[in-house]
Structure formats: structure tokens, C-alpha cells
C-alpha atoms as a PDB file:
ATOM      1  CA  MET A   1     -12.037   7.312  23.527  1.00  0.00           C
ATOM      2  CA  LEU A   2      -9.528   4.986  21.835  1.00  0.00           C
ATOM      3  CA  LYS A   3      -6.135   4.914  23.527  1.00  0.00           C
ATOM      4  CA  VAL A   4      -3.398   4.517  20.896  1.00  0.00           C
ATOM      5  CA  GLY A   5       0.320   3.861  21.253  1.00  0.00           C
ATOM      6  CA  VAL A   6       2.944   4.086  18.516  1.00  0.00           C
ATOM      7  CA  PHE A   7       5.948   1.822  18.037  1.00  0.00           C
ATOM      8  CA  GLY A   8       8.667   3.727  16.208  1.00  0.00           C
ATOM      9  CA  ALA A   9       9.503   7.427  16.137  1.00  0.00           C
ATOM     10  CA  GLY A  10      11.624   7.571  13.008  1.00  0.00           C
ATOM     11  CA  HIS A  11      10.698   9.574   9.897  1.00  0.00           C
ATOM     12  CA  LEU A  12       7.364   7.857   9.258  1.00  0.00           C
ATOM     13  CA  GLY A  13       6.706   7.222  12.944  1.00  0.00           C
ATOM     14  CA  LYS A  14       6.781  10.964  13.663  1.00  0.00           C
ATOM     15  CA  ILE A  15       4.278  11.553  10.858  1.00  0.00           C
ATOM     16  CA  HIS A  16       1.961   8.967  12.408  1.00  0.00           C
ATOM     17  CA  ILE A  17       2.345  10.548  15.834  1.00  0.00           C
ATOM     18  CA  GLN A  18       1.400  13.934  14.381  1.00  0.00           C
ATOM     19  CA  GLN A  19      -1.694  12.528  12.670  1.00  0.00           C
ATOM     20  CA  TRP A  20      -2.917  10.620  15.728  1.00  0.00           C
ATOM     21  CA  LEU A  21      -2.867  13.864  17.702  1.00  0.00           C
ATOM     22  CA  GLU A  22      -5.379  15.339  15.224  1.00  0.00           C
ATOM     23  CA  ILE A  23      -7.851  12.436  14.963  1.00  0.00           C
ATOM     24  CA  PRO A  24     -11.111  12.839  16.935  1.00  0.00           C
ATOM     25  CA  GLY A  25     -12.004  10.115  19.403  1.00  0.00           C
ATOM     26  CA  VAL A  26      -8.355   9.149  19.907  1.00  0.00           C
ATOM     27  CA  GLN A  27      -5.992   9.681  22.812  1.00  0.00           C
ATOM     28  CA  LEU A  28      -2.331   9.178  21.935  1.00  0.00           C
ATOM     29  CA  VAL A  29      -0.892   7.725  25.133  1.00  0.00           C
ATOM     30  CA  GLY A  30       2.704   7.777  23.896  1.00  0.00           C
ATOM     31  CA  PHE A  31       5.342   5.944  21.904  1.00  0.00           C
ATOM     32  CA  TYR A  32       8.210   3.507  22.276  1.00  0.00           C
ATOM     33  CA  ASP A  33      11.492   3.796  20.395  1.00  0.00           C
ATOM     34  CA  PRO A  34      14.839   2.581  21.792  1.00  0.00           C
ATOM     35  CA  ASN A  35      16.694   5.156  19.663  1.00  0.00           C
ATOM     36  CA  ASP A  36      17.360   8.179  21.873  1.00  0.00           C
ATOM     37  CA  ASP A  37      17.688  10.581  18.933  1.00  0.00           C
ATOM     38  CA  ASN A  38      14.350   9.516  17.457  1.00  0.00           C
ATOM     39  CA  ALA A  39      12.711   9.756  20.851  1.00  0.00           C
ATOM     40  CA  ALA A  40      14.129  13.190  21.624  1.00  0.00           C
ATOM     41  CA  GLY A  41      12.893  14.511  18.279  1.00  0.00           C
ATOM     42  CA  ALA A  42       9.363  13.209  18.861  1.00  0.00           C
ATOM     43  CA  ILE A  43       9.198  14.636  22.378  1.00  0.00           C
ATOM     44  CA  MET A  44      10.488  18.018  21.247  1.00  0.00           C
ATOM     45  CA  GLN A  45       8.091  18.270  18.267  1.00  0.00           C
ATOM     46  CA  TYR A  46       4.916  16.826  19.755  1.00  0.00           C
ATOM     47  CA  GLN A  47       5.348  16.803  23.571  1.00  0.00           C
ATOM     48  CA  VAL A  48       4.293  13.145  23.755  1.00  0.00           C
ATOM     49  CA  LYS A  49       5.208  10.613  26.400  1.00  0.00           C
ATOM     50  CA  ARG A  50       8.057   8.209  25.754  1.00  0.00           C
ATOM     51  CA  TYR A  51       7.670   4.721  27.194  1.00  0.00           C
ATOM     52  CA  THR A  52      10.941   3.091  28.180  1.00  0.00           C
ATOM     53  CA  ASN A  53       9.773  -0.446  27.524  1.00  0.00           C
ATOM     54  CA  ALA A  54       7.393  -2.030  25.046  1.00  0.00           C
ATOM     55  CA  GLU A  55       5.324  -3.892  27.644  1.00  0.00           C
ATOM     56  CA  SER A  56       4.315  -0.678  29.412  1.00  0.00           C
ATOM     57  CA  LEU A  57       3.105   0.898  26.170  1.00  0.00           C
ATOM     58  CA  ILE A  58       1.077  -2.207  25.255  1.00  0.00           C
ATOM     59  CA  GLU A  59      -0.515  -2.193  28.704  1.00  0.00           C
ATOM     60  CA  ALA A  60      -1.454   1.493  28.436  1.00  0.00           C
ATOM     61  CA  ALA A  61      -3.068   1.310  24.974  1.00  0.00           C
ATOM     62  CA  ASP A  62      -6.174  -0.209  23.391  1.00  0.00           C
ATOM     63  CA  ALA A  63      -4.577  -0.173  19.926  1.00  0.00           C
ATOM     64  CA  LEU A  64      -0.988  -0.058  18.727  1.00  0.00           C
ATOM     65  CA  ASP A  65       0.460   1.427  15.557  1.00  0.00           C
ATOM     66  CA  ILE A  66       3.637  -0.350  14.390  1.00  0.00           C
ATOM     67  CA  VAL A  67       5.892   1.951  12.343  1.00  0.00           C
ATOM     68  CA  THR A  68       9.258   0.285  12.897  1.00  0.00           C
ATOM     69  CA  ASN A  69      11.674  -1.506  10.562  1.00  0.00           C
ATOM     70  CA  THR A  70       9.941  -4.341   8.719  1.00  0.00           C
ATOM     71  CA  THR A  71      12.208  -6.917  10.330  1.00  0.00           C
ATOM     72  CA  SER A  72      10.773  -6.087  13.771  1.00  0.00           C
ATOM     73  CA  HIS A  73       7.080  -5.990  12.819  1.00  0.00           C
ATOM     74  CA  PHE A  74       6.257  -9.588  13.704  1.00  0.00           C
ATOM     75  CA  ASP A  75       7.809  -9.686  17.177  1.00  0.00           C
ATOM     76  CA  ILE A  76       6.108  -6.438  18.196  1.00  0.00           C
ATOM     77  CA  ALA A  77       2.781  -7.474  16.675  1.00  0.00           C
ATOM     78  CA  LYS A  78       2.884 -10.851  18.413  1.00  0.00           C
ATOM     79  CA  ALA A  79       3.482  -9.218  21.810  1.00  0.00           C
ATOM     80  CA  CYS A  80       0.507  -6.919  21.201  1.00  0.00           C
ATOM     81  CA  LEU A  81      -1.792  -9.684  19.984  1.00  0.00           C
ATOM     82  CA  LEU A  82      -1.008 -11.873  22.981  1.00  0.00           C
ATOM     83  CA  GLN A  83      -2.505  -9.014  25.018  1.00  0.00           C
ATOM     84  CA  SER A  84      -5.509  -8.787  22.636  1.00  0.00           C
ATOM     85  CA  ARG A  85      -4.652  -5.319  21.370  1.00  0.00           C
ATOM     86  CA  HIS A  86      -5.912  -3.925  18.071  1.00  0.00           C
ATOM     87  CA  LEU A  87      -3.193  -3.295  15.507  1.00  0.00           C
ATOM     88  CA  PHE A  88      -2.282  -1.008  12.654  1.00  0.00           C
ATOM     89  CA  ILE A  89       0.870  -2.285  10.909  1.00  0.00           C
ATOM     90  CA  GLU A  90       2.810  -0.474   8.212  1.00  0.00           C
ATOM     91  CA  LYS A  91       3.360  -2.354   4.955  1.00  0.00           C
ATOM     92  CA  PRO A  92       4.800  -4.859   4.371  1.00  0.00           C
ATOM     93  CA  MET A  93       3.186  -6.357   7.437  1.00  0.00           C
ATOM     94  CA  THR A  94       6.061  -8.759   8.188  1.00  0.00           C
ATOM     95  CA  HIS A  95       9.510  -9.603   6.885  1.00  0.00           C
ATOM     96  CA  THR A  96       8.854 -13.218   5.851  1.00  0.00           C
ATOM     97  CA  MET A  97       5.903 -15.246   4.596  1.00  0.00           C
ATOM     98  CA  ASP A  98       6.111 -17.592   7.583  1.00  0.00           C
ATOM     99  CA  GLU A  99       5.736 -14.588   9.875  1.00  0.00           C
ATOM    100  CA  ALA A 100       2.834 -13.292   7.787  1.00  0.00           C
ATOM    101  CA  ARG A 101       0.939 -16.581   7.977  1.00  0.00           C
ATOM    102  CA  GLU A 102       1.542 -16.799  11.720  1.00  0.00           C
ATOM    103  CA  LEU A 103       0.365 -13.210  12.154  1.00  0.00           C
ATOM    104  CA  VAL A 104      -2.914 -13.965  10.380  1.00  0.00           C
ATOM    105  CA  LYS A 105      -3.450 -16.870  12.766  1.00  0.00           C
ATOM    106  CA  LEU A 106      -2.673 -14.731  15.824  1.00  0.00           C
ATOM    107  CA  VAL A 107      -5.055 -11.966  14.696  1.00  0.00           C
ATOM    108  CA  SER A 108      -7.842 -14.513  14.268  1.00  0.00           C
ATOM    109  CA  GLU A 109      -7.195 -16.038  17.691  1.00  0.00           C
ATOM    110  CA  ALA A 110      -7.059 -12.637  19.391  1.00  0.00           C
ATOM    111  CA  ASN A 111     -10.312 -11.571  17.678  1.00  0.00           C
ATOM    112  CA  VAL A 112      -9.131  -7.988  17.217  1.00  0.00           C
ATOM    113  CA  LYS A 113      -8.982  -5.455  14.397  1.00  0.00           C
ATOM    114  CA  CYS A 114      -5.797  -5.429  12.342  1.00  0.00           C
ATOM    115  CA  GLN A 115      -5.270  -3.051   9.430  1.00  0.00           C
ATOM    116  CA  ILE A 116      -2.261  -3.000   7.099  1.00  0.00           C
ATOM    117  CA  GLY A 117      -0.870   0.365   6.016  1.00  0.00           C
ATOM    118  CA  HIS A 118      -1.321   0.235   2.260  1.00  0.00           C
ATOM    119  CA  VAL A 119      -1.729   3.985   2.163  1.00  0.00           C
ATOM    120  CA  GLU A 120      -2.260   4.347  -1.595  1.00  0.00           C
ATOM    121  CA  ARG A 121      -5.780   2.965  -1.131  1.00  0.00           C
ATOM    122  CA  TYR A 122      -6.448   6.360   0.488  1.00  0.00           C
ATOM    123  CA  ASN A 123      -4.726   8.489  -2.149  1.00  0.00           C
ATOM    124  CA  PRO A 124      -7.149  11.197  -3.381  1.00  0.00           C
ATOM    125  CA  ALA A 125      -6.580  10.075  -6.985  1.00  0.00           C
ATOM    126  CA  MET A 126      -7.712   6.568  -6.028  1.00  0.00           C
ATOM    127  CA  LEU A 127     -10.583   7.726  -3.834  1.00  0.00           C
ATOM    128  CA  ALA A 128     -11.963   9.694  -6.796  1.00  0.00           C
ATOM    129  CA  LEU A 129     -12.688   6.361  -8.483  1.00  0.00           C
ATOM    130  CA  ARG A 130     -14.397   4.807  -5.485  1.00  0.00           C
ATOM    131  CA  ASN A 131     -17.843   4.760  -7.133  1.00  0.00           C
ATOM    132  CA  ARG A 132     -16.624   3.887 -10.643  1.00  0.00           C
ATOM    133  CA  LYS A 133     -16.904   0.439 -12.175  1.00  0.00           C
ATOM    134  CA  LEU A 134     -13.319  -0.740 -12.633  1.00  0.00           C
ATOM    135  CA  GLU A 135     -12.771  -4.004 -14.505  1.00  0.00           C
ATOM    136  CA  PRO A 136      -9.266  -3.653 -15.992  1.00  0.00           C
ATOM    137  CA  MET A 137      -7.885  -6.205 -18.423  1.00  0.00           C
ATOM    138  CA  PHE A 138      -4.456  -4.596 -18.773  1.00  0.00           C
ATOM    139  CA  ILE A 139      -2.665  -2.598 -16.087  1.00  0.00           C
ATOM    140  CA  GLU A 140       0.631  -0.748 -16.280  1.00  0.00           C
ATOM    141  CA  THR A 141       2.330   0.836 -13.274  1.00  0.00           C
ATOM    142  CA  HIS A 142       5.481   2.899 -12.773  1.00  0.00           C
ATOM    143  CA  ARG A 143       6.622   3.690  -9.241  1.00  0.00           C
ATOM    144  CA  LEU A 144       9.962   5.488  -9.389  1.00  0.00           C
ATOM    145  CA  ALA A 145      11.764   7.163  -6.500  1.00  0.00           C
ATOM    146  CA  GLN A 146      15.060   8.885  -5.882  1.00  0.00           C
ATOM    147  CA  PHE A 147      17.521   6.948  -3.769  1.00  0.00           C
ATOM    148  CA  ASN A 148      17.010   7.106  -0.021  1.00  0.00           C
ATOM    149  CA  PRO A 149      18.892   4.768   2.357  1.00  0.00           C
ATOM    150  CA  ARG A 150      15.717   4.525   4.440  1.00  0.00           C
ATOM    151  CA  GLY A 151      13.865   1.456   3.211  1.00  0.00           C
ATOM    152  CA  THR A 152      16.818  -0.433   1.747  1.00  0.00           C
ATOM    153  CA  ASP A 153      16.489  -3.106   4.425  1.00  0.00           C
ATOM    154  CA  VAL A 154      14.112  -4.783   1.955  1.00  0.00           C
ATOM    155  CA  ALA A 155      14.093  -5.202  -1.834  1.00  0.00           C
ATOM    156  CA  VAL A 156      12.390  -2.539  -3.940  1.00  0.00           C
ATOM    157  CA  ILE A 157       9.497  -4.973  -4.467  1.00  0.00           C
ATOM    158  CA  LEU A 158       8.622  -4.951  -0.760  1.00  0.00           C
ATOM    159  CA  ASP A 159       9.540  -1.296  -0.365  1.00  0.00           C
ATOM    160  CA  LEU A 160       7.730   0.284  -3.334  1.00  0.00           C
ATOM    161  CA  MET A 161       6.119  -2.186  -5.730  1.00  0.00           C
ATOM    162  CA  ILE A 162       3.956  -3.714  -3.012  1.00  0.00           C
ATOM    163  CA  HIS A 163       1.790  -0.554  -3.072  1.00  0.00           C
ATOM    164  CA  ASP A 164       0.790  -1.290  -6.656  1.00  0.00           C
ATOM    165  CA  ILE A 165       0.509  -5.028  -6.029  1.00  0.00           C
ATOM    166  CA  ASP A 166      -2.059  -4.356  -3.294  1.00  0.00           C
ATOM    167  CA  ILE A 167      -4.153  -2.051  -5.476  1.00  0.00           C
ATOM    168  CA  ILE A 168      -4.040  -4.441  -8.435  1.00  0.00           C
ATOM    169  CA  LEU A 169      -5.137  -7.385  -6.294  1.00  0.00           C
ATOM    170  CA  HIS A 170      -7.903  -5.183  -4.881  1.00  0.00           C
ATOM    171  CA  LEU A 171      -9.133  -4.331  -8.398  1.00  0.00           C
ATOM    172  CA  VAL A 172      -8.697  -7.657 -10.171  1.00  0.00           C
ATOM    173  CA  LYS A 173     -11.027 -10.193  -8.589  1.00  0.00           C
ATOM    174  CA  SER A 174      -9.300 -13.239 -10.060  1.00  0.00           C
ATOM    175  CA  PRO A 175      -6.623 -15.747  -8.986  1.00  0.00           C
ATOM    176  CA  VAL A 176      -3.046 -15.187 -10.145  1.00  0.00           C
ATOM    177  CA  ARG A 177      -2.072 -17.646 -12.893  1.00  0.00           C
ATOM    178  CA  ARG A 178       1.533 -16.789 -13.684  1.00  0.00           C
ATOM    179  CA  ILE A 179       4.277 -14.398 -12.533  1.00  0.00           C
ATOM    180  CA  SER A 180       7.542 -13.427 -14.206  1.00  0.00           C
ATOM    181  CA  ALA A 181      10.067 -10.850 -13.005  1.00  0.00           C
ATOM    182  CA  SER A 182      13.542  -9.415 -13.416  1.00  0.00           C
ATOM    183  CA  GLY A 183      15.598  -6.949 -11.400  1.00  0.00           C
ATOM    184  CA  VAL A 184      19.003  -5.386 -10.807  1.00  0.00           C
ATOM    185  CA  ALA A 185      20.869  -4.500  -7.615  1.00  0.00           C
ATOM    186  CA  VAL A 186      22.642  -1.218  -8.423  1.00  0.00           C
ATOM    187  CA  ILE A 187      23.379   0.473  -5.106  1.00  0.00           C
ATOM    188  CA  SER A 188      22.158  -1.765  -2.285  1.00  0.00           C
ATOM    189  CA  ASP A 189      22.546  -5.502  -1.709  1.00  0.00           C
ATOM    190  CA  THR A 190      18.991  -6.154  -2.880  1.00  0.00           C
ATOM    191  CA  ALA A 191      17.201  -5.233  -6.124  1.00  0.00           C
ATOM    192  CA  ASP A 192      16.909  -1.472  -6.621  1.00  0.00           C
ATOM    193  CA  ILE A 193      14.964  -1.648  -9.890  1.00  0.00           C
ATOM    194  CA  ALA A 194      12.524  -4.384 -10.843  1.00  0.00           C
ATOM    195  CA  ASN A 195       9.906  -5.279 -13.403  1.00  0.00           C
ATOM    196  CA  ALA A 196       7.159  -7.861 -12.951  1.00  0.00           C
ATOM    197  CA  ARG A 197       4.373  -9.283 -15.066  1.00  0.00           C
ATOM    198  CA  ILE A 198       1.328 -10.770 -13.355  1.00  0.00           C
ATOM    199  CA  GLU A 199      -1.173 -12.817 -15.363  1.00  0.00           C
ATOM    200  CA  PHE A 200      -4.617 -13.560 -13.918  1.00  0.00           C
ATOM    201  CA  ASP A 201      -7.051 -16.370 -14.630  1.00  0.00           C
ATOM    202  CA  ASN A 202      -9.605 -13.938 -16.061  1.00  0.00           C
ATOM    203  CA  GLY A 203      -7.106 -12.805 -18.728  1.00  0.00           C
ATOM    204  CA  CYS A 204      -6.021  -9.576 -17.081  1.00  0.00           C
ATOM    205  CA  VAL A 205      -2.303  -8.789 -17.329  1.00  0.00           C
ATOM    206  CA  ALA A 206      -0.429  -6.344 -15.088  1.00  0.00           C
ATOM    207  CA  ASN A 207       3.012  -4.976 -15.898  1.00  0.00           C
ATOM    208  CA  LEU A 208       4.735  -3.338 -12.932  1.00  0.00           C
ATOM    209  CA  THR A 209       7.973  -1.341 -12.754  1.00  0.00           C
ATOM    210  CA  ALA A 210       9.530  -0.059  -9.539  1.00  0.00           C
ATOM    211  CA  SER A 211      12.813   1.775  -9.016  1.00  0.00           C
ATOM    212  CA  ARG A 212      14.451   3.590  -6.106  1.00  0.00           C
ATOM    213  CA  ILE A 213      17.377   4.946  -8.113  1.00  0.00           C
ATOM    214  CA  SER A 214      15.565   7.275 -10.503  1.00  0.00           C
ATOM    215  CA  LEU A 215      16.381  10.917 -11.166  1.00  0.00           C
ATOM    216  CA  LYS A 216      12.739  11.919 -10.815  1.00  0.00           C
ATOM    217  CA  LYS A 217       9.736  10.625  -8.936  1.00  0.00           C
ATOM    218  CA  MET A 218       6.810   8.932 -10.638  1.00  0.00           C
ATOM    219  CA  ARG A 219       3.816   7.047  -9.248  1.00  0.00           C
ATOM    220  CA  LYS A 220       1.403   6.272 -12.065  1.00  0.00           C
ATOM    221  CA  MET A 221      -1.060   3.514 -12.839  1.00  0.00           C
ATOM    222  CA  ARG A 222      -2.860   3.034 -16.141  1.00  0.00           C
ATOM    223  CA  LEU A 223      -5.932   0.832 -16.388  1.00  0.00           C
ATOM    224  CA  PHE A 224      -7.307  -0.406 -19.707  1.00  0.00           C
ATOM    225  CA  GLN A 225     -10.736  -1.997 -19.840  1.00  0.00           C
ATOM    226  CA  ARG A 226     -13.478  -2.428 -22.401  1.00  0.00           C
ATOM    227  CA  ASP A 227     -14.223   0.993 -23.931  1.00  0.00           C
ATOM    228  CA  ALA A 228     -12.229   2.874 -21.296  1.00  0.00           C
ATOM    229  CA  TYR A 229      -8.775   4.044 -20.196  1.00  0.00           C
ATOM    230  CA  ILE A 230      -8.207   5.248 -16.635  1.00  0.00           C
ATOM    231  CA  GLY A 231      -5.042   7.115 -15.696  1.00  0.00           C
ATOM    232  CA  ILE A 232      -4.144   7.526 -12.022  1.00  0.00           C
ATOM    233  CA  ASP A 233      -1.292   9.788 -10.917  1.00  0.00           C
ATOM    234  CA  PHE A 234      -0.684   9.062  -7.238  1.00  0.00           C
ATOM    235  CA  LEU A 235       2.066  11.668  -6.992  1.00  0.00           C
ATOM    236  CA  GLU A 236       0.229  14.603  -8.605  1.00  0.00           C
ATOM    237  CA  LYS A 237      -3.107  13.332  -7.269  1.00  0.00           C
ATOM    238  CA  LYS A 238      -4.866  13.477 -10.623  1.00  0.00           C
ATOM    239  CA  THR A 239      -7.231  11.064 -12.341  1.00  0.00           C
ATOM    240  CA  GLU A 240      -8.586  10.954 -15.875  1.00  0.00           C
ATOM    241  CA  VAL A 241     -11.108   8.640 -17.487  1.00  0.00           C
ATOM    242  CA  ILE A 242     -11.259   8.368 -21.279  1.00  0.00           C
ATOM    243  CA  ARG A 243     -14.254   6.362 -22.434  1.00  0.00           C
ATOM    244  CA  MET A 244     -15.710   5.319 -25.767  1.00  0.00           C
ATOM    245  CA  LYS A 245     -19.422   6.053 -26.136  1.00  0.00           C
ATOM    246  CA  ALA A 246     -22.052   5.615 -28.775  1.00  0.00           C
ATOM    247  CA  PRO A 247     -22.789   8.926 -30.605  1.00  0.00           C
ATOM    248  CA  GLU A 248     -26.239   9.222 -29.001  1.00  0.00           C
ATOM    249  CA  GLU A 249     -24.627   9.098 -25.536  1.00  0.00           C
ATOM    250  CA  ALA A 250     -22.525  12.206 -26.151  1.00  0.00           C
ATOM    251  CA  ALA A 251     -23.513  14.968 -23.780  1.00  0.00           C
ATOM    252  CA  GLY A 252     -20.439  16.564 -22.250  1.00  0.00           C
ATOM    253  CA  PHE A 253     -18.216  19.462 -23.294  1.00  0.00           C
ATOM    254  CA  PHE A 254     -15.277  17.061 -23.592  1.00  0.00           C
ATOM    255  CA  ASP A 255     -17.053  14.555 -25.859  1.00  0.00           C
ATOM    256  CA  PHE A 256     -15.485  14.286 -29.329  1.00  0.00           C
ATOM    257  CA  PRO A 257     -16.928  12.265 -32.253  1.00  0.00           C
ATOM    258  CA  ILE A 258     -14.583  10.069 -34.304  1.00  0.00           C
ATOM    259  CA  GLU A 259     -15.047   8.092 -37.526  1.00  0.00           C
ATOM    260  CA  LEU A 260     -14.195   4.389 -37.340  1.00  0.00           C
ATOM    261  CA  GLY A 261     -14.801   3.651 -41.039  1.00  0.00           C
ATOM    262  CA  ASN A 262     -17.645   1.799 -42.753  1.00  0.00           C
ATOM    263  CA  GLY A 263     -19.981   4.531 -41.577  1.00  0.00           C
ATOM    264  CA  LYS A 264     -19.427   3.700 -37.903  1.00  0.00           C
ATOM    265  CA  GLN A 265     -18.969   6.426 -35.330  1.00  0.00           C
ATOM    266  CA  LYS A 266     -17.947   6.599 -31.706  1.00  0.00           C
ATOM    267  CA  THR A 267     -17.541   9.399 -29.216  1.00  0.00           C
ATOM    268  CA  ILE A 268     -14.441   9.879 -27.084  1.00  0.00           C
ATOM    269  CA  SER A 269     -15.428  11.185 -23.665  1.00  0.00           C
ATOM    270  CA  ILE A 270     -12.770  12.747 -21.432  1.00  0.00           C
ATOM    271  CA  ASP A 271     -13.676  12.931 -17.763  1.00  0.00           C
ATOM    272  CA  THR A 272     -11.564  14.245 -14.892  1.00  0.00           C
ATOM    273  CA  PRO A 273     -13.208  13.104 -11.637  1.00  0.00           C
ATOM    274  CA  GLN A 274     -13.285  15.655  -8.857  1.00  0.00           C
ATOM    275  CA  ILE A 275     -10.368  15.236  -6.479  1.00  0.00           C
ATOM    276  CA  THR A 276     -10.941  15.918  -2.806  1.00  0.00           C
ATOM    277  CA  ALA A 277      -7.722  16.869  -1.057  1.00  0.00           C
ATOM    278  CA  VAL A 278      -7.090  14.637   1.943  1.00  0.00           C
ATOM    279  CA  ASN A 279      -4.112  13.574   4.037  1.00  0.00           C
ATOM    280  CA  SER A 280      -3.843   9.890   3.067  1.00  0.00           C
ATOM    281  CA  ILE A 281      -2.027   8.806   6.222  1.00  0.00           C
ATOM    282  CA  LYS A 282      -4.508  10.606   8.441  1.00  0.00           C
ATOM    283  CA  GLU A 283      -7.371   9.049   6.456  1.00  0.00           C
ATOM    284  CA  GLU A 284      -6.116   5.487   6.878  1.00  0.00           C
ATOM    285  CA  LEU A 285      -5.415   5.927  10.595  1.00  0.00           C
ATOM    286  CA  ALA A 286      -8.798   7.562  11.209  1.00  0.00           C
ATOM    287  CA  ASP A 287     -10.488   4.775   9.233  1.00  0.00           C
ATOM    288  CA  PHE A 288      -8.769   2.172  11.393  1.00  0.00           C
ATOM    289  CA  ALA A 289      -9.779   3.988  14.584  1.00  0.00           C
ATOM    290  CA  LEU A 290     -13.377   4.119  13.375  1.00  0.00           C
ATOM    291  CA  SER A 291     -13.324   0.388  12.654  1.00  0.00           C
ATOM    292  CA  VAL A 292     -12.304  -0.266  16.250  1.00  0.00           C
ATOM    293  CA  LEU A 293     -14.712   2.237  17.812  1.00  0.00           C
ATOM    294  CA  GLN A 294     -17.683   1.109  15.704  1.00  0.00           C
ATOM    295  CA  ASP A 295     -16.713  -2.570  15.579  1.00  0.00           C
ATOM    296  CA  LYS A 296     -16.768  -2.748  11.788  1.00  0.00           C
ATOM    297  CA  PRO A 297     -14.367  -4.504   9.359  1.00  0.00           C
ATOM    298  CA  VAL A 298     -11.135  -2.714   8.507  1.00  0.00           C
ATOM    299  CA  SER A 299     -10.673  -1.512   4.915  1.00  0.00           C
ATOM    300  CA  VAL A 300      -7.293  -3.202   4.380  1.00  0.00           C
ATOM    301  CA  SER A 301      -7.336  -6.470   6.266  1.00  0.00           C
ATOM    302  CA  VAL A 302      -4.533  -8.745   7.401  1.00  0.00           C
ATOM    303  CA  TYR A 303      -5.681 -11.098   4.636  1.00  0.00           C
ATOM    304  CA  ASP A 304      -5.166  -8.309   2.076  1.00  0.00           C
ATOM    305  CA  GLY A 305      -1.708  -7.794   3.515  1.00  0.00           C
ATOM    306  CA  LEU A 306      -0.951 -11.507   3.298  1.00  0.00           C
ATOM    307  CA  HIS A 307      -2.152 -11.702  -0.324  1.00  0.00           C
ATOM    308  CA  ALA A 308       0.004  -8.726  -1.342  1.00  0.00           C
ATOM    309  CA  MET A 309       3.007 -10.189   0.462  1.00  0.00           C
ATOM    310  CA  ASP A 310       2.486 -13.587  -1.147  1.00  0.00           C
ATOM    311  CA  VAL A 311       2.534 -12.103  -4.657  1.00  0.00           C
ATOM    312  CA  ALA A 312       5.450  -9.817  -3.741  1.00  0.00           C
ATOM    313  CA  HIS A 313       7.504 -12.768  -2.508  1.00  0.00           C
ATOM    314  CA  GLN A 314       6.661 -14.772  -5.625  1.00  0.00           C
ATOM    315  CA  ILE A 315       7.951 -11.841  -7.677  1.00  0.00           C
ATOM    316  CA  LEU A 316      11.019 -11.635  -5.452  1.00  0.00           C
ATOM    317  CA  LYS A 317      11.722 -15.346  -5.924  1.00  0.00           C
ATOM    318  CA  LYS A 318      11.393 -15.085  -9.714  1.00  0.00           C
ATOM    319  CA  MET A 319      13.634 -12.036  -9.727  1.00  0.00           C
ATOM    320  CA  MET A 320      16.306 -13.689  -7.591  1.00  0.00           C
ATOM    321  CA  MET A 321      16.343 -16.656  -9.968  1.00  0.00           C
ATOM    322  CA  GLN A 322      16.957 -14.224 -12.825  1.00  0.00           C
ATOM    323  CA  MET A 323      19.625 -12.273 -10.936  1.00  0.00           C
ATOM    324  CA  ASN A 324      21.463 -15.378  -9.641  1.00  0.00           C
ATOM    325  CA  PRO A 325      20.949 -18.153 -12.211  1.00  0.00           C
ATOM    326  CA  GLU A 326      23.906 -20.114 -10.855  1.00  0.00           C
ATOM    327  CA  SER A 327      22.051 -20.589  -7.558  1.00  0.00           C
ATOM    328  CA  ASN A 328      19.086 -22.321  -9.197  1.00  0.00           C
ATOM    329  CA  ASP A 329      18.679 -26.008  -8.568  1.00  0.00           C
ATOM    330  CA  LYS A 330      20.061 -28.129 -11.348  1.00  0.00           C
ATOM    331  CA  VAL A 331      17.496 -30.433 -12.864  1.00  0.00           C
END
């Protein structure tokens, strides 16, 4: 039985608490949140124990789930790691790159499991492609959300775009060559809408757009690779694969022949992979618990989290240079 404690009982923290209560092989020992309103809500909804200090919760648990404001992630994680506790940390894993690099070092020294909460890896639309060969050469993403004050403690890149950054880095097995970005602060003090272009050494190009001031929600990714287009709708949880085949390969009901000229023919094949409905947050937490219980590698490592943060901060730096040109160093 894995004893788990949760740091944070806000909106997302309560969701995590609920999911932990339903995961086999796990005992939720309680939570810590200094906010009395958050704590009262969690106790009323889930009848879980509230710890009045962080040290007591760390002592009582084998693994801790950090679902607090990003700015507090590092200090909490460090306290847990110094006691050799396993960790699940919501994205982004820390507030600064220095903290992220230090966290990687602490995880290695503690020799524990540490998973980062990039939940879109567990989206049913993404899981449907798990056994497909994905080698994209052009990627386009749109992650648009309606304004919500929760999350504005960080720029939209670290709040929303980092989901897509993580997936792109997971798919494209090539070093980043060049990054360009632009953004606008409309409501908050940091960028609320941003666009970034990531170029990889293998020639792949990714164009990412993220906004938290849109009238409607959208979470889509489009992958273009040789002879195939893959559309992923994270919000509607739908996936489609459109592939070019030779005429003799046509076999399905949704295969359509087309003339290319000069007597050449191809077949357009439309495939909609079967989607299995799952609770993505429950899936990632259960996967982490299994990694600890079975002593196997986590699916989204602290190194994955560091890589995503590194690219996100490079985008943020490029964007800030565009937004505040007068602050750039004069050459």
C-alpha cells in the first residue's frame, strides 16, 4: 500500500484528492493547505485529514503530490526530497530554471521516483496514437482558453503552451536549433496570448499558439509527416489520421482514389482510431503510483519536465525581448 499526501487543496488539488481516493493500492493519508477555506472545502467533500504543518504530512507519506502555486513547488519538493520521498509535481515543475536544475540534482541524489504532471500525455486522443509511428516534420498547435484568474501567476507559455511543448519534444527526437516568439499582455501583467516557432535540427518546424483570453476553448494539434496528416483534438478527445497509400493498398471503406496526373494514382485513407474514455488525471496519478510500487521508470520524468521548461523559458525570453525592445542590451 502506497501512502500518499497532497500539498494544495485548491481547485486542482481537490481534483487530485478525489482521484487518489479511487486508485487501487493507494492510501491517501491527508493533505496540507494553509488556506482555511480550501481546507474546509476538501474536508467537507472528501472527509480527508488535514495536516497543520508540512513536516507532519511528509513524515506520514511515502509519496507526495504537489498541486500548489508554481512559485512554491521547489521549496516543497526540496523538503520532500531531503526526506527521500517520491514526488508527483504539477507542471511547470518549478518557477525558475535554476530551481528546475537544482530539483533534477536533488531527485538524483534522493534516488526516488519523480513524475511531472504533463497530463495531456494521458489524453484519450493522444493515447489512441500510442502504437502509431509518428515522425512529424511540421506541427501546428492551438491552445485557447477563456480568461480565468487562476494560473495568471505565470505567463501563458508556462500556464498553457507548455502542454504542447512537452508533447512536441516527446514526439520530435531532435535537438532544438532555433526559437522565435511574440506575445501580448492584454489583461494580466504577463503575456496572455503568445505565438512561438520552434525549429529542430532534423528539419521539423513547430508553430504554437496559446491564449487565455479567447471567447471559446480550443486544444488542437496537427501533425504533418510524409504521406500522412494526424489531427488531435485534446478538448473533444478525437483523433483522425489521413494517409496517402498506393492504389493496391486500398482496403478500407474510407479509402478514396485520386488522380495525380501523368497516369499516377494515390489513395486517400481516412482513419479514426478508437478512443477509450479515461480520466486523464486519474491515469497519470495511477501510472505514477504503479511506477513507485513496481519500481519502474516514470512516464514523464523530471528530465522531461526540465526539457519542456528550458524550451518554454527560451520562448519566454524571446517573447519578452519582442514585447520590451527598449530593455534589450544595446550592442
